[in-house]
Structure formats: structure tokens, C-alpha cells
Amino acid sequence: MPVYTNQRRKNKNRGYQKLRVWDYAIEYYVQTCEVFRKFPYELKRVTSQSIASTDSVHRNIAEGYCRRSIREYIQFLYIALGSLGESVSGLQACRQAEQISDEEFEKLDKIAYKLENGLLKLIRILEQKRETGDWINQLTVKEAGVLYGDK
């Protein structure tokens, strides 16, 4: 099995990997897998749907970015936001059904909260760029003079 070295291959189409929201989405997916993989077989459908909705978030961020059109990029970010909403709703249900602990819920909800706010901010910035015509097929976003994707 290959070892992940934390060095990402770079090209213009992989710029989404510089986005904080993409990192949060990956972290959210990994931690969701950790929580739900221990579910019993009887809850396989719940497990599968919970993991699938979190998996959809990072995938839609990447796909929208790679479409190279601001209109499509924003649309895919809204889809990612919808998948995140589905995921958080599922977390609430699992918490109320006592299928996950309060600690597990808080851990996942904390990441989801950062991810949701990051997506909303990125969407707002991109919508402003679209409205003002500042989009020049440039895939990075600056906020207050700082590159949005900087970590």
C-alpha cells in the first residue's frame, strides 16, 4: 500500500486541494468513517448513507472547481452544501436515537460547522466575483489580500 507523503502533485486543475474547505471536507469524511464503521450490520444502510453524504461534499468541491466555469463551480458548491446538510441531519437523528455518543456528535458537528461556514464564505466570494466580472478563469480566491486557499 502506498504511503501518503503529504506532498501533493501540483497542476492548475488540482488547485481545489489548496482550499481549506476541501481539507475540512476530507477531515469530516475521515472522522465520519471512524465513527460509523463500528455500527452493527443491522444499521448498514444508515452507515452507508452517512458515509456517502460526507463523501459527496469533498467530491463536489473538487468537481465544481475542475469545471472551470464560475457558474458551475458555484452550483457544485451548493450541491456540496446540500450534502453537508443531509449529513448533519443524519448526525442529529443518530444522536437522538442514541446510535452515536454526544462526544462523537460534537466531534463531527464541530468540523461540519467549520466546513459549512467555509463553504458559505467561498460561495459568497465567488458570487461577488461573478457579479462584478472579476472572474478571469482564475481558480484561486483572495479575501482581504490573502489567498483564500492558504493554509
N, C-alpha and C. Protein backbone atom coordinates (compact mmCIF):
# COMPACT_ATOMS: atom_id res chain seq x y z
N MET A 1 0.84 -1.18 0.00
CA MET A 1 0.00 0.00 0.00
C MET A 1 0.88 1.24 0.00
N PRO A 2 0.61 2.21 -0.90
CA PRO A 2 1.45 3.40 -0.96
C PRO A 2 1.31 4.24 0.31
N VAL A 3 2.38 4.89 0.67
CA VAL A 3 2.38 5.77 1.83
C VAL A 3 2.09 7.18 1.37
N TYR A 4 1.14 7.83 2.03
CA TYR A 4 0.80 9.21 1.71
C TYR A 4 1.87 10.10 2.33
N THR A 5 2.54 10.88 1.51
CA THR A 5 3.66 11.67 1.99
C THR A 5 3.29 13.12 2.29
N ASN A 6 2.04 13.46 2.09
CA ASN A 6 1.58 14.84 2.30
C ASN A 6 2.09 15.79 1.23
N GLN A 7 2.80 15.29 0.25
CA GLN A 7 3.20 16.12 -0.89
C GLN A 7 2.19 15.89 -1.99
N ARG A 8 1.53 16.95 -2.38
CA ARG A 8 0.51 16.83 -3.42
C ARG A 8 1.11 17.19 -4.76
N ARG A 9 0.73 16.43 -5.75
CA ARG A 9 1.13 16.78 -7.11
C ARG A 9 0.41 18.07 -7.46
N LYS A 10 1.09 18.92 -8.18
CA LYS A 10 0.51 20.24 -8.47
C LYS A 10 0.25 20.41 -9.95
N ASN A 11 -0.93 20.89 -10.24
CA ASN A 11 -1.26 21.43 -11.55
C ASN A 11 -2.48 22.31 -11.37
N LYS A 12 -2.81 23.08 -12.35
CA LYS A 12 -3.88 24.07 -12.23
C LYS A 12 -5.23 23.43 -11.90
N ASN A 13 -5.46 22.22 -12.38
CA ASN A 13 -6.74 21.56 -12.17
C ASN A 13 -6.88 20.98 -10.76
N ARG A 14 -5.78 20.88 -10.01
CA ARG A 14 -5.84 20.34 -8.66
C ARG A 14 -5.78 21.43 -7.60
N GLY A 15 -6.06 22.64 -8.00
CA GLY A 15 -6.00 23.77 -7.08
C GLY A 15 -7.00 23.67 -5.93
N TYR A 16 -8.07 22.90 -6.11
CA TYR A 16 -9.04 22.72 -5.03
C TYR A 16 -8.37 22.15 -3.78
N GLN A 17 -7.25 21.45 -3.96
CA GLN A 17 -6.54 20.87 -2.82
C GLN A 17 -5.91 21.93 -1.93
N LYS A 18 -5.86 23.17 -2.42
CA LYS A 18 -5.35 24.28 -1.61
C LYS A 18 -6.44 24.92 -0.76
N LEU A 19 -7.69 24.56 -1.00
CA LEU A 19 -8.80 25.18 -0.30
C LEU A 19 -8.97 24.58 1.10
N ARG A 20 -9.15 25.46 2.07
CA ARG A 20 -9.41 25.00 3.44
C ARG A 20 -10.69 24.17 3.50
N VAL A 21 -11.72 24.59 2.76
CA VAL A 21 -12.97 23.85 2.80
C VAL A 21 -12.80 22.43 2.30
N TRP A 22 -11.94 22.23 1.33
CA TRP A 22 -11.69 20.88 0.84
C TRP A 22 -11.00 20.05 1.93
N ASP A 23 -10.02 20.66 2.62
CA ASP A 23 -9.37 19.96 3.73
C ASP A 23 -10.37 19.61 4.83
N TYR A 24 -11.24 20.55 5.16
CA TYR A 24 -12.27 20.28 6.18
C TYR A 24 -13.18 19.14 5.72
N ALA A 25 -13.52 19.14 4.44
CA ALA A 25 -14.41 18.09 3.91
C ALA A 25 -13.74 16.72 3.98
N ILE A 26 -12.45 16.66 3.69
CA ILE A 26 -11.72 15.39 3.80
C ILE A 26 -11.66 14.95 5.26
N GLU A 27 -11.35 15.88 6.15
CA GLU A 27 -11.30 15.57 7.58
C GLU A 27 -12.66 15.07 8.07
N TYR A 28 -13.71 15.71 7.64
CA TYR A 28 -15.07 15.33 8.03
C TYR A 28 -15.39 13.91 7.54
N TYR A 29 -15.00 13.61 6.32
CA TYR A 29 -15.22 12.27 5.78
C TYR A 29 -14.46 11.22 6.59
N VAL A 30 -13.20 11.47 6.85
CA VAL A 30 -12.37 10.50 7.59
C VAL A 30 -12.95 10.25 8.98
N GLN A 31 -13.31 11.32 9.67
CA GLN A 31 -13.84 11.15 11.03
C GLN A 31 -15.22 10.51 11.03
N THR A 32 -16.02 10.79 10.01
CA THR A 32 -17.32 10.13 9.88
C THR A 32 -17.12 8.63 9.69
N CYS A 33 -16.17 8.25 8.86
CA CYS A 33 -15.88 6.82 8.66
C CYS A 33 -15.48 6.16 9.98
N GLU A 34 -14.65 6.85 10.76
CA GLU A 34 -14.21 6.30 12.05
C GLU A 34 -15.40 6.04 12.98
N VAL A 35 -16.34 6.96 13.02
CA VAL A 35 -17.50 6.82 13.91
C VAL A 35 -18.45 5.74 13.41
N PHE A 36 -18.74 5.74 12.12
CA PHE A 36 -19.79 4.86 11.60
C PHE A 36 -19.31 3.45 11.24
N ARG A 37 -18.03 3.24 11.12
CA ARG A 37 -17.56 1.90 10.75
C ARG A 37 -17.82 0.88 11.84
N LYS A 38 -18.03 1.32 13.06
CA LYS A 38 -18.27 0.39 14.16
C LYS A 38 -19.75 0.07 14.36
N PHE A 39 -20.61 0.62 13.49
CA PHE A 39 -22.04 0.34 13.60
C PHE A 39 -22.31 -1.13 13.30
N PRO A 40 -23.32 -1.72 13.92
CA PRO A 40 -23.66 -3.13 13.65
C PRO A 40 -24.24 -3.30 12.25
N TYR A 41 -24.24 -4.53 11.78
CA TYR A 41 -24.72 -4.84 10.44
C TYR A 41 -26.16 -4.38 10.22
N GLU A 42 -27.00 -4.45 11.24
CA GLU A 42 -28.41 -4.06 11.11
C GLU A 42 -28.55 -2.60 10.68
N LEU A 43 -27.54 -1.81 10.97
CA LEU A 43 -27.56 -0.38 10.61
C LEU A 43 -26.68 -0.07 9.41
N LYS A 44 -26.44 -1.08 8.58
CA LYS A 44 -25.57 -0.92 7.42
C LYS A 44 -26.06 0.20 6.49
N ARG A 45 -27.38 0.30 6.31
CA ARG A 45 -27.92 1.33 5.43
C ARG A 45 -27.66 2.73 6.00
N VAL A 46 -27.83 2.89 7.30
CA VAL A 46 -27.55 4.17 7.96
C VAL A 46 -26.07 4.52 7.80
N THR A 47 -25.23 3.53 8.04
CA THR A 47 -23.78 3.73 7.90
C THR A 47 -23.43 4.14 6.48
N SER A 48 -23.95 3.41 5.51
CA SER A 48 -23.65 3.68 4.11
C SER A 48 -24.10 5.09 3.71
N GLN A 49 -25.30 5.48 4.10
CA GLN A 49 -25.82 6.80 3.74
C GLN A 49 -25.05 7.91 4.44
N SER A 50 -24.67 7.69 5.69
CA SER A 50 -23.90 8.71 6.43
C SER A 50 -22.54 8.94 5.79
N ILE A 51 -21.90 7.87 5.42
CA ILE A 51 -20.58 8.00 4.78
C ILE A 51 -20.72 8.59 3.38
N ALA A 52 -21.75 8.16 2.65
CA ALA A 52 -21.93 8.66 1.28
C ALA A 52 -22.20 10.16 1.25
N SER A 53 -22.99 10.67 2.19
CA SER A 53 -23.29 12.10 2.17
C SER A 53 -22.06 12.93 2.51
N THR A 54 -21.21 12.44 3.40
CA THR A 54 -19.97 13.19 3.70
C THR A 54 -18.98 13.06 2.55
N ASP A 55 -18.96 11.93 1.90
CA ASP A 55 -18.07 11.72 0.76
C ASP A 55 -18.43 12.67 -0.38
N SER A 56 -19.71 12.93 -0.53
CA SER A 56 -20.19 13.80 -1.60
C SER A 56 -19.68 15.24 -1.46
N VAL A 57 -19.44 15.68 -0.24
CA VAL A 57 -19.05 17.07 -0.02
C VAL A 57 -17.71 17.38 -0.70
N HIS A 58 -16.67 16.63 -0.37
CA HIS A 58 -15.34 16.92 -0.96
C HIS A 58 -15.33 16.66 -2.46
N ARG A 59 -16.09 15.68 -2.90
CA ARG A 59 -16.14 15.38 -4.33
C ARG A 59 -16.77 16.52 -5.13
N ASN A 60 -17.82 17.12 -4.60
CA ASN A 60 -18.47 18.23 -5.30
C ASN A 60 -17.63 19.50 -5.29
N ILE A 61 -16.89 19.72 -4.21
CA ILE A 61 -15.96 20.86 -4.19
C ILE A 61 -14.94 20.70 -5.32
N ALA A 62 -14.38 19.51 -5.42
CA ALA A 62 -13.36 19.24 -6.45
C ALA A 62 -13.96 19.31 -7.85
N GLU A 63 -15.10 18.67 -8.06
CA GLU A 63 -15.68 18.65 -9.40
C GLU A 63 -16.06 20.05 -9.87
N GLY A 64 -16.65 20.83 -8.99
CA GLY A 64 -17.01 22.19 -9.36
C GLY A 64 -15.80 23.02 -9.73
N TYR A 65 -14.75 22.89 -8.95
CA TYR A 65 -13.51 23.61 -9.22
C TYR A 65 -12.96 23.23 -10.59
N CYS A 66 -12.99 21.95 -10.88
CA CYS A 66 -12.39 21.45 -12.13
C CYS A 66 -13.24 21.76 -13.36
N ARG A 67 -14.49 22.18 -13.18
CA ARG A 67 -15.34 22.54 -14.31
C ARG A 67 -14.88 23.82 -15.00
N ARG A 68 -14.13 24.64 -14.29
CA ARG A 68 -13.51 25.85 -14.83
C ARG A 68 -14.51 26.92 -15.26
N SER A 69 -15.72 26.83 -14.78
CA SER A 69 -16.75 27.83 -15.06
C SER A 69 -17.28 28.30 -13.71
N ILE A 70 -17.32 29.59 -13.51
CA ILE A 70 -17.77 30.10 -12.21
C ILE A 70 -19.21 29.69 -11.92
N ARG A 71 -20.04 29.68 -12.94
CA ARG A 71 -21.44 29.28 -12.75
C ARG A 71 -21.52 27.84 -12.24
N GLU A 72 -20.78 26.94 -12.90
CA GLU A 72 -20.80 25.53 -12.49
C GLU A 72 -20.11 25.33 -11.14
N TYR A 73 -19.03 26.06 -10.91
CA TYR A 73 -18.31 25.96 -9.65
C TYR A 73 -19.25 26.29 -8.48
N ILE A 74 -19.96 27.41 -8.60
CA ILE A 74 -20.89 27.80 -7.55
C ILE A 74 -21.99 26.76 -7.40
N GLN A 75 -22.51 26.26 -8.50
CA GLN A 75 -23.56 25.24 -8.44
C GLN A 75 -23.08 24.00 -7.67
N PHE A 76 -21.87 23.54 -7.94
CA PHE A 76 -21.35 22.36 -7.26
C PHE A 76 -21.07 22.64 -5.78
N LEU A 77 -20.72 23.88 -5.46
CA LEU A 77 -20.54 24.23 -4.05
C LEU A 77 -21.88 24.19 -3.32
N TYR A 78 -22.94 24.60 -4.00
CA TYR A 78 -24.27 24.48 -3.39
C TYR A 78 -24.68 23.02 -3.22
N ILE A 79 -24.30 22.18 -4.16
CA ILE A 79 -24.58 20.74 -4.02
C ILE A 79 -23.81 20.18 -2.83
N ALA A 80 -22.54 20.61 -2.67
CA ALA A 80 -21.74 20.18 -1.52
C ALA A 80 -22.41 20.63 -0.22
N LEU A 81 -22.93 21.85 -0.21
CA LEU A 81 -23.63 22.38 0.96
C LEU A 81 -24.88 21.55 1.26
N GLY A 82 -25.59 21.14 0.23
CA GLY A 82 -26.76 20.28 0.41
C GLY A 82 -26.39 18.92 0.99
N SER A 83 -25.32 18.34 0.49
CA SER A 83 -24.86 17.06 1.03
C SER A 83 -24.44 17.20 2.48
N LEU A 84 -23.83 18.32 2.80
CA LEU A 84 -23.44 18.57 4.19
C LEU A 84 -24.68 18.67 5.07
N GLY A 85 -25.71 19.37 4.60
CA GLY A 85 -26.96 19.45 5.35
C GLY A 85 -27.58 18.09 5.59
N GLU A 86 -27.57 17.25 4.57
CA GLU A 86 -28.07 15.87 4.70
C GLU A 86 -27.28 15.13 5.77
N SER A 87 -25.98 15.29 5.74
CA SER A 87 -25.11 14.62 6.69
C SER A 87 -25.38 15.07 8.13
N VAL A 88 -25.46 16.38 8.34
CA VAL A 88 -25.70 16.91 9.68
C VAL A 88 -27.06 16.48 10.20
N SER A 89 -28.06 16.45 9.32
CA SER A 89 -29.38 15.97 9.72
C SER A 89 -29.30 14.51 10.18
N GLY A 90 -28.55 13.71 9.45
CA GLY A 90 -28.35 12.31 9.85
C GLY A 90 -27.64 12.18 11.18
N LEU A 91 -26.66 13.06 11.42
CA LEU A 91 -25.97 13.05 12.71
C LEU A 91 -26.93 13.34 13.85
N GLN A 92 -27.79 14.33 13.64
CA GLN A 92 -28.79 14.68 14.67
C GLN A 92 -29.70 13.49 14.96
N ALA A 93 -30.14 12.82 13.91
CA ALA A 93 -31.02 11.66 14.09
C ALA A 93 -30.30 10.54 14.84
N CYS A 94 -29.06 10.27 14.47
CA CYS A 94 -28.30 9.21 15.14
C CYS A 94 -28.04 9.56 16.60
N ARG A 95 -27.82 10.82 16.87
CA ARG A 95 -27.61 11.26 18.25
C ARG A 95 -28.89 11.05 19.06
N GLN A 96 -30.02 11.48 18.51
CA GLN A 96 -31.28 11.34 19.24
C GLN A 96 -31.68 9.88 19.42
N ALA A 97 -31.29 9.03 18.47
CA ALA A 97 -31.57 7.59 18.57
C ALA A 97 -30.53 6.88 19.43
N GLU A 98 -29.60 7.64 19.96
CA GLU A 98 -28.52 7.12 20.81
C GLU A 98 -27.67 6.07 20.09
N GLN A 99 -27.48 6.30 18.79
CA GLN A 99 -26.62 5.43 18.00
C GLN A 99 -25.18 5.94 18.00
N ILE A 100 -25.02 7.23 18.28
CA ILE A 100 -23.69 7.82 18.47
C ILE A 100 -23.71 8.58 19.79
N SER A 101 -22.56 8.69 20.39
CA SER A 101 -22.46 9.39 21.68
C SER A 101 -22.47 10.90 21.47
N ASP A 102 -22.72 11.61 22.56
CA ASP A 102 -22.66 13.07 22.50
C ASP A 102 -21.27 13.53 22.08
N GLU A 103 -20.23 12.83 22.54
CA GLU A 103 -18.85 13.19 22.20
C GLU A 103 -18.60 13.00 20.71
N GLU A 104 -19.08 11.88 20.16
CA GLU A 104 -18.91 11.64 18.72
C GLU A 104 -19.66 12.69 17.91
N PHE A 105 -20.88 13.00 18.36
CA PHE A 105 -21.66 14.03 17.67
C PHE A 105 -20.92 15.35 17.68
N GLU A 106 -20.44 15.77 18.84
CA GLU A 106 -19.76 17.07 18.97
C GLU A 106 -18.51 17.12 18.09
N LYS A 107 -17.77 16.04 18.06
CA LYS A 107 -16.55 15.98 17.24
C LYS A 107 -16.89 16.21 15.76
N LEU A 108 -17.91 15.51 15.27
CA LEU A 108 -18.29 15.63 13.87
C LEU A 108 -18.98 16.97 13.59
N ASP A 109 -19.84 17.39 14.49
CA ASP A 109 -20.57 18.64 14.28
C ASP A 109 -19.63 19.84 14.27
N LYS A 110 -18.57 19.79 15.05
CA LYS A 110 -17.59 20.88 15.08
C LYS A 110 -16.92 21.06 13.71
N ILE A 111 -16.54 19.95 13.11
CA ILE A 111 -15.93 20.01 11.77
C ILE A 111 -16.96 20.45 10.74
N ALA A 112 -18.17 19.90 10.83
CA ALA A 112 -19.23 20.26 9.89
C ALA A 112 -19.54 21.75 9.96
N TYR A 113 -19.49 22.32 11.15
CA TYR A 113 -19.76 23.74 11.33
C TYR A 113 -18.70 24.59 10.62
N LYS A 114 -17.42 24.23 10.80
CA LYS A 114 -16.34 24.96 10.11
C LYS A 114 -16.49 24.81 8.60
N LEU A 115 -16.82 23.62 8.16
CA LEU A 115 -16.98 23.34 6.73
C LEU A 115 -18.14 24.13 6.15
N GLU A 116 -19.26 24.15 6.86
CA GLU A 116 -20.44 24.88 6.39
C GLU A 116 -20.14 26.38 6.26
N ASN A 117 -19.53 26.95 7.27
CA ASN A 117 -19.21 28.38 7.21
C ASN A 117 -18.19 28.67 6.12
N GLY A 118 -17.21 27.78 5.92
CA GLY A 118 -16.23 27.96 4.86
C GLY A 118 -16.87 27.90 3.48
N LEU A 119 -17.79 26.96 3.29
CA LEU A 119 -18.49 26.86 2.00
C LEU A 119 -19.33 28.11 1.74
N LEU A 120 -20.05 28.56 2.76
CA LEU A 120 -20.87 29.76 2.59
C LEU A 120 -20.02 30.98 2.25
N LYS A 121 -18.87 31.10 2.88
CA LYS A 121 -17.97 32.23 2.60
C LYS A 121 -17.41 32.14 1.19
N LEU A 122 -16.99 30.96 0.80
CA LEU A 122 -16.44 30.77 -0.55
C LEU A 122 -17.51 31.06 -1.60
N ILE A 123 -18.72 30.58 -1.39
CA ILE A 123 -19.81 30.85 -2.33
C ILE A 123 -20.07 32.34 -2.43
N ARG A 124 -20.12 33.03 -1.30
CA ARG A 124 -20.37 34.47 -1.29
C ARG A 124 -19.28 35.21 -2.08
N ILE A 125 -18.03 34.85 -1.86
CA ILE A 125 -16.91 35.49 -2.57
C ILE A 125 -17.02 35.24 -4.07
N LEU A 126 -17.31 34.01 -4.44
CA LEU A 126 -17.40 33.68 -5.87
C LEU A 126 -18.60 34.36 -6.52
N GLU A 127 -19.71 34.45 -5.80
CA GLU A 127 -20.88 35.14 -6.36
C GLU A 127 -20.57 36.62 -6.57
N GLN A 128 -19.83 37.23 -5.66
CA GLN A 128 -19.42 38.62 -5.83
C GLN A 128 -18.52 38.77 -7.05
N LYS A 129 -17.58 37.84 -7.21
CA LYS A 129 -16.69 37.88 -8.37
C LYS A 129 -17.49 37.74 -9.67
N ARG A 130 -18.47 36.87 -9.66
CA ARG A 130 -19.31 36.68 -10.85
C ARG A 130 -20.07 37.96 -11.16
N GLU A 131 -20.65 38.60 -10.15
CA GLU A 131 -21.45 39.81 -10.35
C GLU A 131 -20.61 41.00 -10.81
N THR A 132 -19.39 41.11 -10.30
CA THR A 132 -18.55 42.26 -10.66
C THR A 132 -17.71 41.99 -11.90
N GLY A 133 -17.73 40.75 -12.39
CA GLY A 133 -16.95 40.40 -13.57
C GLY A 133 -15.48 40.22 -13.28
N ASP A 134 -15.14 40.03 -12.01
CA ASP A 134 -13.73 39.84 -11.62
C ASP A 134 -13.22 38.42 -11.88
N TRP A 135 -14.07 37.55 -12.35
CA TRP A 135 -13.67 36.17 -12.60
C TRP A 135 -12.97 36.12 -13.95
N ILE A 136 -11.72 35.72 -13.94
CA ILE A 136 -10.95 35.64 -15.17
C ILE A 136 -10.45 34.20 -15.34
N ASN A 137 -11.37 33.26 -15.18
CA ASN A 137 -11.00 31.85 -15.24
C ASN A 137 -9.84 31.59 -14.28
N GLN A 138 -9.80 32.35 -13.22
CA GLN A 138 -8.77 32.20 -12.21
C GLN A 138 -9.37 31.37 -11.09
N LEU A 139 -8.71 30.32 -10.71
CA LEU A 139 -9.32 29.37 -9.80
C LEU A 139 -8.97 29.62 -8.34
N THR A 140 -8.22 30.64 -8.05
CA THR A 140 -7.95 30.95 -6.65
C THR A 140 -8.76 32.17 -6.25
N VAL A 141 -9.07 32.26 -5.00
CA VAL A 141 -9.89 33.35 -4.50
C VAL A 141 -9.10 34.06 -3.41
N LYS A 142 -9.12 35.39 -3.44
CA LYS A 142 -8.45 36.16 -2.39
C LYS A 142 -9.50 36.81 -1.52
N GLU A 143 -9.21 36.82 -0.24
CA GLU A 143 -10.08 37.54 0.68
C GLU A 143 -9.19 38.47 1.49
N ALA A 144 -9.47 39.73 1.43
CA ALA A 144 -8.72 40.76 2.15
C ALA A 144 -7.22 40.66 1.86
N GLY A 145 -6.88 40.42 0.60
CA GLY A 145 -5.49 40.37 0.20
C GLY A 145 -4.76 39.07 0.52
N VAL A 146 -5.47 38.12 1.11
CA VAL A 146 -4.85 36.84 1.46
C VAL A 146 -5.49 35.77 0.59
N LEU A 147 -4.68 34.90 0.03
CA LEU A 147 -5.19 33.82 -0.80
C LEU A 147 -6.10 32.95 0.04
N TYR A 148 -7.34 32.75 -0.41
CA TYR A 148 -8.33 32.01 0.37
C TYR A 148 -7.86 30.60 0.71
N GLY A 149 -7.19 29.95 -0.22
CA GLY A 149 -6.79 28.57 -0.02
C GLY A 149 -5.56 28.39 0.84
N ASP A 150 -4.87 29.46 1.21
CA ASP A 150 -3.65 29.32 2.01
C ASP A 150 -3.96 28.63 3.33
N LYS A 151 -3.03 27.81 3.72
CA LYS A 151 -3.19 27.08 4.99
C LYS A 151 -2.16 27.56 5.97
